[in-house]
């Protein structure tokens, strides 16, 4: 289990589903609980998405957590400048489009500004698994040397990823991207394969000895068919690494989290 960590996306991706009202007003309690559970990373909405998000962000930033929280934002430079003014130190951003060289330029401008301001960046290539392996490799290879880049992310935005693609793409990135940069994986469940893709990613990560971060949400809440759920991720990790899993994560807290959302 040395190569697997978890990122909670309930307060970002989960807000895009029809059940999202269950989490509103409980963000602080939720983050405290996943921190107690042992989740390594979490992400929240851009504070300037709404007046509510701004108020929530300013309250959440007061929390003292081991869970590392990033702010979700697009690649718009003006949005990043707003976050710089708020004193944000870590962001999760994304680029989307078909021209991979334009996406490299877009990402490079953002990473350069982030580097100047000592901001850690997790950058996602949207609809990654619908692109060619060559384009995926070109994109991350061209941006990997920015000092602000902490994590690269493959986002299966349109839910087309399969375990076979995992077998091809992860070893390719491992070959072309510095070993010190973890790979985050964000699987949508449109084909019902989010769990299968997660399982295959864990096996490949172990084989190539590459750290991966799996994006999860409570009950799999997310856009359309949702994403990888806590339950599926926990079941697989327990099956594969029972002793290490139960030592790292305080799974009894998971029940408290579910009751918080579904009392």
C-alpha atoms as a PDB file:
ATOM      1  CA  UNK A   1       0.000   0.000   0.000  1.00  0.00           C
ATOM      2  CA  UNK A   2       3.074   2.220  -0.220  1.00  0.00           C
ATOM      3  CA  UNK A   3       1.985   3.511  -3.621  1.00  0.00           C
ATOM      4  CA  UNK A   4      -1.650   4.451  -2.955  1.00  0.00           C
ATOM      5  CA  UNK A   5      -3.201   7.526  -1.327  1.00  0.00           C
ATOM      6  CA  UNK A   6      -6.723   8.985  -1.374  1.00  0.00           C
ATOM      7  CA  UNK A   7      -8.146  12.373  -2.297  1.00  0.00           C
ATOM      8  CA  UNK A   8     -11.646  13.300  -1.151  1.00  0.00           C
ATOM      9  CA  UNK A   9     -13.630  15.207  -3.785  1.00  0.00           C
ATOM     10  CA  UNK A  10     -16.997  15.253  -2.016  1.00  0.00           C
ATOM     11  CA  UNK A  11     -16.878  19.018  -1.418  1.00  0.00           C
ATOM     12  CA  UNK A  12     -16.039  19.677  -5.067  1.00  0.00           C
ATOM     13  CA  UNK A  13     -17.147  16.872  -7.412  1.00  0.00           C
ATOM     14  CA  UNK A  14     -19.891  15.856  -4.997  1.00  0.00           C
ATOM     15  CA  UNK A  15     -21.383  19.328  -5.236  1.00  0.00           C
ATOM     16  CA  UNK A  16     -22.201  18.630  -8.891  1.00  0.00           C
ATOM     17  CA  UNK A  17     -24.810  15.968  -8.195  1.00  0.00           C
ATOM     18  CA  UNK A  18     -28.423  16.240  -7.137  1.00  0.00           C
ATOM     19  CA  UNK A  19     -27.606  14.999  -3.622  1.00  0.00           C
ATOM     20  CA  UNK A  20     -25.170  17.832  -2.964  1.00  0.00           C
ATOM     21  CA  UNK A  21     -27.590  19.689  -0.673  1.00  0.00           C
ATOM     22  CA  UNK A  22     -26.885  17.070   1.996  1.00  0.00           C
ATOM     23  CA  UNK A  23     -23.372  18.444   2.483  1.00  0.00           C
ATOM     24  CA  UNK A  24     -24.201  22.167   2.493  1.00  0.00           C
ATOM     25  CA  UNK A  25     -23.590  23.735   5.899  1.00  0.00           C
ATOM     26  CA  UNK A  26     -21.618  20.696   7.125  1.00  0.00           C
ATOM     27  CA  UNK A  27     -18.328  21.313   5.327  1.00  0.00           C
ATOM     28  CA  UNK A  28     -16.287  22.022   8.448  1.00  0.00           C
ATOM     29  CA  UNK A  29     -17.531  18.917  10.288  1.00  0.00           C
ATOM     30  CA  UNK A  30     -16.991  16.844   7.167  1.00  0.00           C
ATOM     31  CA  UNK A  31     -13.354  17.916   6.747  1.00  0.00           C
ATOM     32  CA  UNK A  32     -12.647  17.305  10.428  1.00  0.00           C
ATOM     33  CA  UNK A  33     -14.036  13.777  10.124  1.00  0.00           C
ATOM     34  CA  UNK A  34     -12.115  12.819   6.983  1.00  0.00           C
ATOM     35  CA  UNK A  35      -9.020  14.235   8.673  1.00  0.00           C
ATOM     36  CA  UNK A  36      -9.676  11.935  11.637  1.00  0.00           C
ATOM     37  CA  UNK A  37     -10.331   9.071   9.226  1.00  0.00           C
ATOM     38  CA  UNK A  38      -6.867   9.592   7.737  1.00  0.00           C
ATOM     39  CA  UNK A  39      -7.647  10.755   4.193  1.00  0.00           C
ATOM     40  CA  UNK A  40      -4.476  12.322   2.801  1.00  0.00           C
ATOM     41  CA  UNK A  41      -5.933  14.954   0.454  1.00  0.00           C
ATOM     42  CA  UNK A  42      -9.173  16.863  -0.155  1.00  0.00           C
ATOM     43  CA  UNK A  43     -10.381  19.551  -2.526  1.00  0.00           C
ATOM     44  CA  UNK A  44     -12.993  22.279  -2.256  1.00  0.00           C
ATOM     45  CA  UNK A  45     -14.653  24.704  -4.668  1.00  0.00           C
ATOM     46  CA  UNK A  46     -13.082  27.946  -5.844  1.00  0.00           C
ATOM     47  CA  UNK A  47     -14.032  30.510  -3.163  1.00  0.00           C
ATOM     48  CA  UNK A  48     -15.182  33.006  -5.753  1.00  0.00           C
ATOM     49  CA  UNK A  49     -17.704  30.605  -7.280  1.00  0.00           C
ATOM     50  CA  UNK A  50     -20.322  32.204  -5.012  1.00  0.00           C
ATOM     51  CA  UNK A  51     -20.617  34.304  -1.867  1.00  0.00           C
ATOM     52  CA  UNK A  52     -21.407  31.086   0.013  1.00  0.00           C
ATOM     53  CA  UNK A  53     -18.214  29.399  -1.237  1.00  0.00           C
ATOM     54  CA  UNK A  54     -16.139  32.434  -0.240  1.00  0.00           C
ATOM     55  CA  UNK A  55     -17.555  32.442   3.285  1.00  0.00           C
ATOM     56  CA  UNK A  56     -17.096  28.675   3.541  1.00  0.00           C
ATOM     57  CA  UNK A  57     -13.497  28.855   2.325  1.00  0.00           C
ATOM     58  CA  UNK A  58     -12.557  31.517   4.849  1.00  0.00           C
ATOM     59  CA  UNK A  59     -14.024  29.395   7.642  1.00  0.00           C
ATOM     60  CA  UNK A  60     -12.400  26.170   6.463  1.00  0.00           C
ATOM     61  CA  UNK A  61      -8.938  27.682   6.172  1.00  0.00           C
ATOM     62  CA  UNK A  62      -8.934  28.207   9.944  1.00  0.00           C
ATOM     63  CA  UNK A  63      -9.039  24.440  10.533  1.00  0.00           C
ATOM     64  CA  UNK A  64      -5.839  22.699  11.559  1.00  0.00           C
ATOM     65  CA  UNK A  65      -5.779  19.480   9.563  1.00  0.00           C
ATOM     66  CA  UNK A  66      -3.337  16.790   8.524  1.00  0.00           C
ATOM     67  CA  UNK A  67      -5.451  16.324   5.395  1.00  0.00           C
ATOM     68  CA  UNK A  68      -3.941  18.559   2.709  1.00  0.00           C
ATOM     69  CA  UNK A  69      -6.694  20.708   1.194  1.00  0.00           C
ATOM     70  CA  UNK A  70      -6.474  22.225  -2.291  1.00  0.00           C
ATOM     71  CA  UNK A  71      -8.703  24.780  -4.011  1.00  0.00           C
ATOM     72  CA  UNK A  72     -10.302  23.740  -7.276  1.00  0.00           C
ATOM     73  CA  UNK A  73      -9.918  26.276 -10.082  1.00  0.00           C
ATOM     74  CA  UNK A  74      -9.785  26.501 -13.845  1.00  0.00           C
ATOM     75  CA  UNK A  75      -6.667  27.572 -15.723  1.00  0.00           C
ATOM     76  CA  UNK A  76      -7.777  31.200 -16.014  1.00  0.00           C
ATOM     77  CA  UNK A  77      -4.937  33.409 -14.797  1.00  0.00           C
ATOM     78  CA  UNK A  78      -7.316  35.954 -13.256  1.00  0.00           C
ATOM     79  CA  UNK A  79      -8.887  33.198 -11.141  1.00  0.00           C
ATOM     80  CA  UNK A  80      -5.432  32.224  -9.896  1.00  0.00           C
ATOM     81  CA  UNK A  81      -4.645  35.844  -9.031  1.00  0.00           C
ATOM     82  CA  UNK A  82      -7.767  35.959  -6.870  1.00  0.00           C
ATOM     83  CA  UNK A  83      -6.524  32.884  -5.009  1.00  0.00           C
ATOM     84  CA  UNK A  84      -3.066  34.416  -4.595  1.00  0.00           C
ATOM     85  CA  UNK A  85      -4.692  37.452  -2.977  1.00  0.00           C
ATOM     86  CA  UNK A  86      -6.525  35.098  -0.603  1.00  0.00           C
ATOM     87  CA  UNK A  87      -3.218  33.523   0.430  1.00  0.00           C
ATOM     88  CA  UNK A  88      -3.985  30.083  -1.060  1.00  0.00           C
ATOM     89  CA  UNK A  89      -0.969  27.747  -1.075  1.00  0.00           C
ATOM     90  CA  UNK A  90      -2.303  24.756  -3.009  1.00  0.00           C
ATOM     91  CA  UNK A  91      -4.628  24.490  -5.998  1.00  0.00           C
ATOM     92  CA  UNK A  92      -6.102  21.747  -8.143  1.00  0.00           C
ATOM     93  CA  UNK A  93      -6.529  23.003 -11.692  1.00  0.00           C
ATOM     94  CA  UNK A  94      -7.345  21.597 -15.121  1.00  0.00           C
ATOM     95  CA  UNK A  95      -7.036  22.246 -18.828  1.00  0.00           C
ATOM     96  CA  UNK A  96      -9.390  20.993 -21.504  1.00  0.00           C
ATOM     97  CA  UNK A  97      -9.426  21.041 -25.279  1.00  0.00           C
ATOM     98  CA  UNK A  98      -8.192  19.142 -28.321  1.00  0.00           C
ATOM     99  CA  UNK A  99      -5.002  20.974 -29.294  1.00  0.00           C
ATOM    100  CA  UNK A 100      -2.411  19.513 -26.942  1.00  0.00           C
ATOM    101  CA  UNK A 101       0.166  22.236 -27.681  1.00  0.00           C
ATOM    102  CA  UNK A 102      -2.302  24.980 -26.799  1.00  0.00           C
ATOM    103  CA  UNK A 103      -3.019  23.126 -23.571  1.00  0.00           C
ATOM    104  CA  UNK A 104       0.706  22.984 -22.823  1.00  0.00           C
ATOM    105  CA  UNK A 105       0.946  26.770 -23.285  1.00  0.00           C
ATOM    106  CA  UNK A 106      -2.121  27.337 -21.110  1.00  0.00           C
ATOM    107  CA  UNK A 107      -0.777  25.138 -18.341  1.00  0.00           C
ATOM    108  CA  UNK A 108       2.701  26.648 -18.591  1.00  0.00           C
ATOM    109  CA  UNK A 109       1.445  30.207 -17.997  1.00  0.00           C
ATOM    110  CA  UNK A 110      -0.449  29.086 -14.911  1.00  0.00           C
ATOM    111  CA  UNK A 111       2.416  26.993 -13.524  1.00  0.00           C
ATOM    112  CA  UNK A 112       4.882  29.833 -14.040  1.00  0.00           C
ATOM    113  CA  UNK A 113       2.704  32.254 -12.049  1.00  0.00           C
ATOM    114  CA  UNK A 114       2.134  29.626  -9.372  1.00  0.00           C
ATOM    115  CA  UNK A 115       5.893  29.027  -9.142  1.00  0.00           C
ATOM    116  CA  UNK A 116       6.508  32.755  -8.634  1.00  0.00           C
ATOM    117  CA  UNK A 117       4.070  32.716  -5.721  1.00  0.00           C
ATOM    118  CA  UNK A 118       5.143  29.401  -4.109  1.00  0.00           C
ATOM    119  CA  UNK A 119       1.814  27.714  -4.797  1.00  0.00           C
ATOM    120  CA  UNK A 120       1.636  23.925  -5.108  1.00  0.00           C
ATOM    121  CA  UNK A 121      -0.309  22.732  -8.142  1.00  0.00           C
ATOM    122  CA  UNK A 122      -2.114  19.525  -9.021  1.00  0.00           C
ATOM    123  CA  UNK A 123      -2.888  19.831 -12.722  1.00  0.00           C
ATOM    124  CA  UNK A 124      -5.415  17.693 -14.531  1.00  0.00           C
ATOM    125  CA  UNK A 125      -5.751  16.861 -18.197  1.00  0.00           C
ATOM    126  CA  UNK A 126      -9.502  16.686 -18.758  1.00  0.00           C
ATOM    127  CA  UNK A 127     -10.932  13.829 -20.832  1.00  0.00           C
ATOM    128  CA  UNK A 128      -7.458  12.342 -20.696  1.00  0.00           C
ATOM    129  CA  UNK A 129      -8.446   8.808 -21.667  1.00  0.00           C
ATOM    130  CA  UNK A 130     -10.217  10.048 -24.791  1.00  0.00           C
ATOM    131  CA  UNK A 131      -6.905  11.447 -26.041  1.00  0.00           C
ATOM    132  CA  UNK A 132      -4.051   9.600 -27.724  1.00  0.00           C
ATOM    133  CA  UNK A 133      -1.300   8.167 -25.557  1.00  0.00           C
ATOM    134  CA  UNK A 134       1.134  10.370 -27.485  1.00  0.00           C
ATOM    135  CA  UNK A 135      -0.766  13.544 -26.569  1.00  0.00           C
ATOM    136  CA  UNK A 136      -1.027  12.536 -22.912  1.00  0.00           C
ATOM    137  CA  UNK A 137       2.710  11.946 -22.788  1.00  0.00           C
ATOM    138  CA  UNK A 138       3.560  15.186 -24.618  1.00  0.00           C
ATOM    139  CA  UNK A 139       1.407  17.287 -22.307  1.00  0.00           C
ATOM    140  CA  UNK A 140       2.841  16.078 -19.014  1.00  0.00           C
ATOM    141  CA  UNK A 141       6.396  15.793 -20.315  1.00  0.00           C
ATOM    142  CA  UNK A 142       6.404  19.451 -21.397  1.00  0.00           C
ATOM    143  CA  UNK A 143       5.199  20.797 -18.023  1.00  0.00           C
ATOM    144  CA  UNK A 144       6.913  18.489 -15.551  1.00  0.00           C
ATOM    145  CA  UNK A 145       9.846  20.755 -14.644  1.00  0.00           C
ATOM    146  CA  UNK A 146       7.909  23.667 -13.136  1.00  0.00           C
ATOM    147  CA  UNK A 147       8.770  23.863  -9.448  1.00  0.00           C
ATOM    148  CA  UNK A 148       5.126  24.482  -8.538  1.00  0.00           C
ATOM    149  CA  UNK A 149       3.978  21.169 -10.033  1.00  0.00           C
ATOM    150  CA  UNK A 150       3.232  18.758  -7.210  1.00  0.00           C
ATOM    151  CA  UNK A 151       0.901  16.208  -8.847  1.00  0.00           C
ATOM    152  CA  UNK A 152      -0.303  15.366 -12.344  1.00  0.00           C
ATOM    153  CA  UNK A 153      -3.849  14.141 -12.810  1.00  0.00           C
ATOM    154  CA  UNK A 154      -5.624  12.032 -15.397  1.00  0.00           C
ATOM    155  CA  UNK A 155      -9.280  12.983 -15.368  1.00  0.00           C
ATOM    156  CA  UNK A 156     -11.680  10.555 -17.028  1.00  0.00           C
ATOM    157  CA  UNK A 157     -14.136  13.423 -17.467  1.00  0.00           C
ATOM    158  CA  UNK A 158     -16.366  11.638 -19.953  1.00  0.00           C
ATOM    159  CA  UNK A 159     -16.160   8.220 -18.296  1.00  0.00           C
ATOM    160  CA  UNK A 160     -14.583   6.253 -21.155  1.00  0.00           C
ATOM    161  CA  UNK A 161     -11.592   4.759 -19.334  1.00  0.00           C
ATOM    162  CA  UNK A 162     -11.134   0.982 -19.196  1.00  0.00           C
ATOM    163  CA  UNK A 163      -8.639  -1.228 -17.328  1.00  0.00           C
ATOM    164  CA  UNK A 164      -6.851  -1.853 -20.642  1.00  0.00           C
ATOM    165  CA  UNK A 165      -6.170   1.868 -20.998  1.00  0.00           C
ATOM    166  CA  UNK A 166      -4.791   1.954 -17.459  1.00  0.00           C
ATOM    167  CA  UNK A 167      -2.384  -0.821 -18.427  1.00  0.00           C
ATOM    168  CA  UNK A 168      -1.129   1.274 -21.352  1.00  0.00           C
ATOM    169  CA  UNK A 169      -1.118   4.828 -19.970  1.00  0.00           C
ATOM    170  CA  UNK A 170       0.329   4.488 -16.466  1.00  0.00           C
ATOM    171  CA  UNK A 171       3.538   2.676 -17.520  1.00  0.00           C
ATOM    172  CA  UNK A 172       3.964   5.220 -20.350  1.00  0.00           C
ATOM    173  CA  UNK A 173       3.763   8.158 -17.934  1.00  0.00           C
ATOM    174  CA  UNK A 174       6.032   6.388 -15.489  1.00  0.00           C
ATOM    175  CA  UNK A 175       8.628   6.111 -18.231  1.00  0.00           C
ATOM    176  CA  UNK A 176       8.401   9.764 -19.296  1.00  0.00           C
ATOM    177  CA  UNK A 177       7.577  11.693 -16.105  1.00  0.00           C
ATOM    178  CA  UNK A 178       9.811  12.182 -13.073  1.00  0.00           C
ATOM    179  CA  UNK A 179       9.251   9.489 -10.444  1.00  0.00           C
ATOM    180  CA  UNK A 180       8.866  12.135  -7.740  1.00  0.00           C
ATOM    181  CA  UNK A 181       5.572  13.368  -9.244  1.00  0.00           C
ATOM    182  CA  UNK A 182       2.530  11.329  -8.132  1.00  0.00           C
ATOM    183  CA  UNK A 183      -0.278  10.565 -10.584  1.00  0.00           C
ATOM    184  CA  UNK A 184      -3.820  11.314  -9.461  1.00  0.00           C
ATOM    185  CA  UNK A 185      -6.656   9.381 -11.110  1.00  0.00           C
ATOM    186  CA  UNK A 186     -10.213  10.689 -11.284  1.00  0.00           C
ATOM    187  CA  UNK A 187     -12.622   8.081 -12.670  1.00  0.00           C
ATOM    188  CA  UNK A 188     -16.204   8.791 -13.685  1.00  0.00           C
ATOM    189  CA  UNK A 189     -18.569   5.850 -13.613  1.00  0.00           C
ATOM    190  CA  UNK A 190     -20.474   6.268 -16.885  1.00  0.00           C
ATOM    191  CA  UNK A 191     -19.538   2.762 -18.037  1.00  0.00           C
ATOM    192  CA  UNK A 192     -19.750   1.289 -14.537  1.00  0.00           C
ATOM    193  CA  UNK A 193     -15.966   0.798 -14.588  1.00  0.00           C
ATOM    194  CA  UNK A 194     -14.743   3.284 -11.973  1.00  0.00           C
ATOM    195  CA  UNK A 195     -14.048   0.523  -9.440  1.00  0.00           C
ATOM    196  CA  UNK A 196     -12.435  -1.755 -12.039  1.00  0.00           C
ATOM    197  CA  UNK A 197     -10.211   1.110 -13.183  1.00  0.00           C
ATOM    198  CA  UNK A 198      -9.278   1.808  -9.583  1.00  0.00           C
ATOM    199  CA  UNK A 199      -8.365  -1.822  -8.991  1.00  0.00           C
ATOM    200  CA  UNK A 200      -6.250  -1.999 -12.137  1.00  0.00           C
ATOM    201  CA  UNK A 201      -4.501   1.266 -11.232  1.00  0.00           C
ATOM    202  CA  UNK A 202      -3.488  -0.131  -7.851  1.00  0.00           C
ATOM    203  CA  UNK A 203      -2.061  -3.274  -9.458  1.00  0.00           C
ATOM    204  CA  UNK A 204      -0.126  -1.297 -12.071  1.00  0.00           C
ATOM    205  CA  UNK A 205       1.169   1.187  -9.472  1.00  0.00           C
ATOM    206  CA  UNK A 206       2.534  -1.695  -7.433  1.00  0.00           C
ATOM    207  CA  UNK A 207       4.163  -3.229 -10.486  1.00  0.00           C
ATOM    208  CA  UNK A 208       5.877  -0.048 -11.677  1.00  0.00           C
ATOM    209  CA  UNK A 209       6.444   1.269  -8.129  1.00  0.00           C
ATOM    210  CA  UNK A 210       4.730   4.593  -8.814  1.00  0.00           C
ATOM    211  CA  UNK A 211       2.715   6.596  -6.303  1.00  0.00           C
ATOM    212  CA  UNK A 212      -0.916   7.179  -7.306  1.00  0.00           C
ATOM    213  CA  UNK A 213      -3.704   9.166  -5.692  1.00  0.00           C
ATOM    214  CA  UNK A 214      -7.282   7.949  -6.144  1.00  0.00           C
ATOM    215  CA  UNK A 215     -10.029  10.555  -6.234  1.00  0.00           C
ATOM    216  CA  UNK A 216     -13.113   9.454  -4.255  1.00  0.00           C
ATOM    217  CA  UNK A 217     -16.342  10.901  -2.915  1.00  0.00           C
ATOM    218  CA  UNK A 218     -18.874   9.869  -0.331  1.00  0.00           C
ATOM    219  CA  UNK A 219     -21.364   7.437  -1.899  1.00  0.00           C
ATOM    220  CA  UNK A 220     -19.657   8.173  -5.226  1.00  0.00           C
ATOM    221  CA  UNK A 221     -21.456  11.528  -5.462  1.00  0.00           C
ATOM    222  CA  UNK A 222     -20.520  13.413  -8.611  1.00  0.00           C
ATOM    223  CA  UNK A 223     -21.531  14.578 -12.041  1.00  0.00           C
ATOM    224  CA  UNK A 224     -23.736  12.196 -14.078  1.00  0.00           C
ATOM    225  CA  UNK A 225     -23.113   8.621 -12.834  1.00  0.00           C
ATOM    226  CA  UNK A 226     -20.703   9.835 -10.182  1.00  0.00           C
ATOM    227  CA  UNK A 227     -17.120   8.813  -9.446  1.00  0.00           C
ATOM    228  CA  UNK A 228     -15.280   6.193  -7.409  1.00  0.00           C
ATOM    229  CA  UNK A 229     -16.936   5.843  -4.004  1.00  0.00           C
ATOM    230  CA  UNK A 230     -15.381   5.559  -0.565  1.00  0.00           C
ATOM    231  CA  UNK A 231     -16.995   2.140  -0.223  1.00  0.00           C
ATOM    232  CA  UNK A 232     -15.484   0.724  -3.422  1.00  0.00           C
ATOM    233  CA  UNK A 233     -12.038   2.161  -2.721  1.00  0.00           C
ATOM    234  CA  UNK A 234     -12.058   0.933   0.884  1.00  0.00           C
ATOM    235  CA  UNK A 235     -13.217  -2.557  -0.117  1.00  0.00           C
ATOM    236  CA  UNK A 236     -10.408  -2.951  -2.619  1.00  0.00           C
ATOM    237  CA  UNK A 237      -7.726  -1.586  -0.322  1.00  0.00           C
ATOM    238  CA  UNK A 238      -8.943  -3.821   2.508  1.00  0.00           C
ATOM    239  CA  UNK A 239      -8.902  -6.856   0.234  1.00  0.00           C
ATOM    240  CA  UNK A 240      -5.402  -6.123  -1.051  1.00  0.00           C
ATOM    241  CA  UNK A 241      -3.740  -4.682   2.055  1.00  0.00           C
ATOM    242  CA  UNK A 242      -5.828  -5.582   5.088  1.00  0.00           C
ATOM    243  CA  UNK A 243      -3.180  -4.948   7.737  1.00  0.00           C
ATOM    244  CA  UNK A 244      -1.783  -1.737   6.227  1.00  0.00           C
ATOM    245  CA  UNK A 245      -5.249  -0.400   5.386  1.00  0.00           C
ATOM    246  CA  UNK A 246      -6.660  -0.826   8.898  1.00  0.00           C
ATOM    247  CA  UNK A 247      -3.530   0.737  10.364  1.00  0.00           C
ATOM    248  CA  UNK A 248      -3.607   3.813   8.127  1.00  0.00           C
ATOM    249  CA  UNK A 249      -7.337   4.583   8.116  1.00  0.00           C
ATOM    250  CA  UNK A 250      -9.646   4.727  11.150  1.00  0.00           C
ATOM    251  CA  UNK A 251     -12.537   3.119   9.312  1.00  0.00           C
ATOM    252  CA  UNK A 252     -14.999   3.457  12.221  1.00  0.00           C
ATOM    253  CA  UNK A 253     -15.053   7.172  11.404  1.00  0.00           C
ATOM    254  CA  UNK A 254     -16.548   6.330   7.998  1.00  0.00           C
ATOM    255  CA  UNK A 255     -19.862   5.482   9.695  1.00  0.00           C
ATOM    256  CA  UNK A 256     -19.879   8.877  11.424  1.00  0.00           C
ATOM    257  CA  UNK A 257     -19.340  10.582   8.077  1.00  0.00           C
ATOM    258  CA  UNK A 258     -22.268   8.729   6.512  1.00  0.00           C
ATOM    259  CA  UNK A 259     -24.514   9.687   9.437  1.00  0.00           C
ATOM    260  CA  UNK A 260     -23.456  13.301   9.067  1.00  0.00           C
ATOM    261  CA  UNK A 261     -24.708  13.347   5.487  1.00  0.00           C
ATOM    262  CA  UNK A 262     -27.581  10.883   5.879  1.00  0.00           C
ATOM    263  CA  UNK A 263     -28.743  11.247   9.532  1.00  0.00           C
END
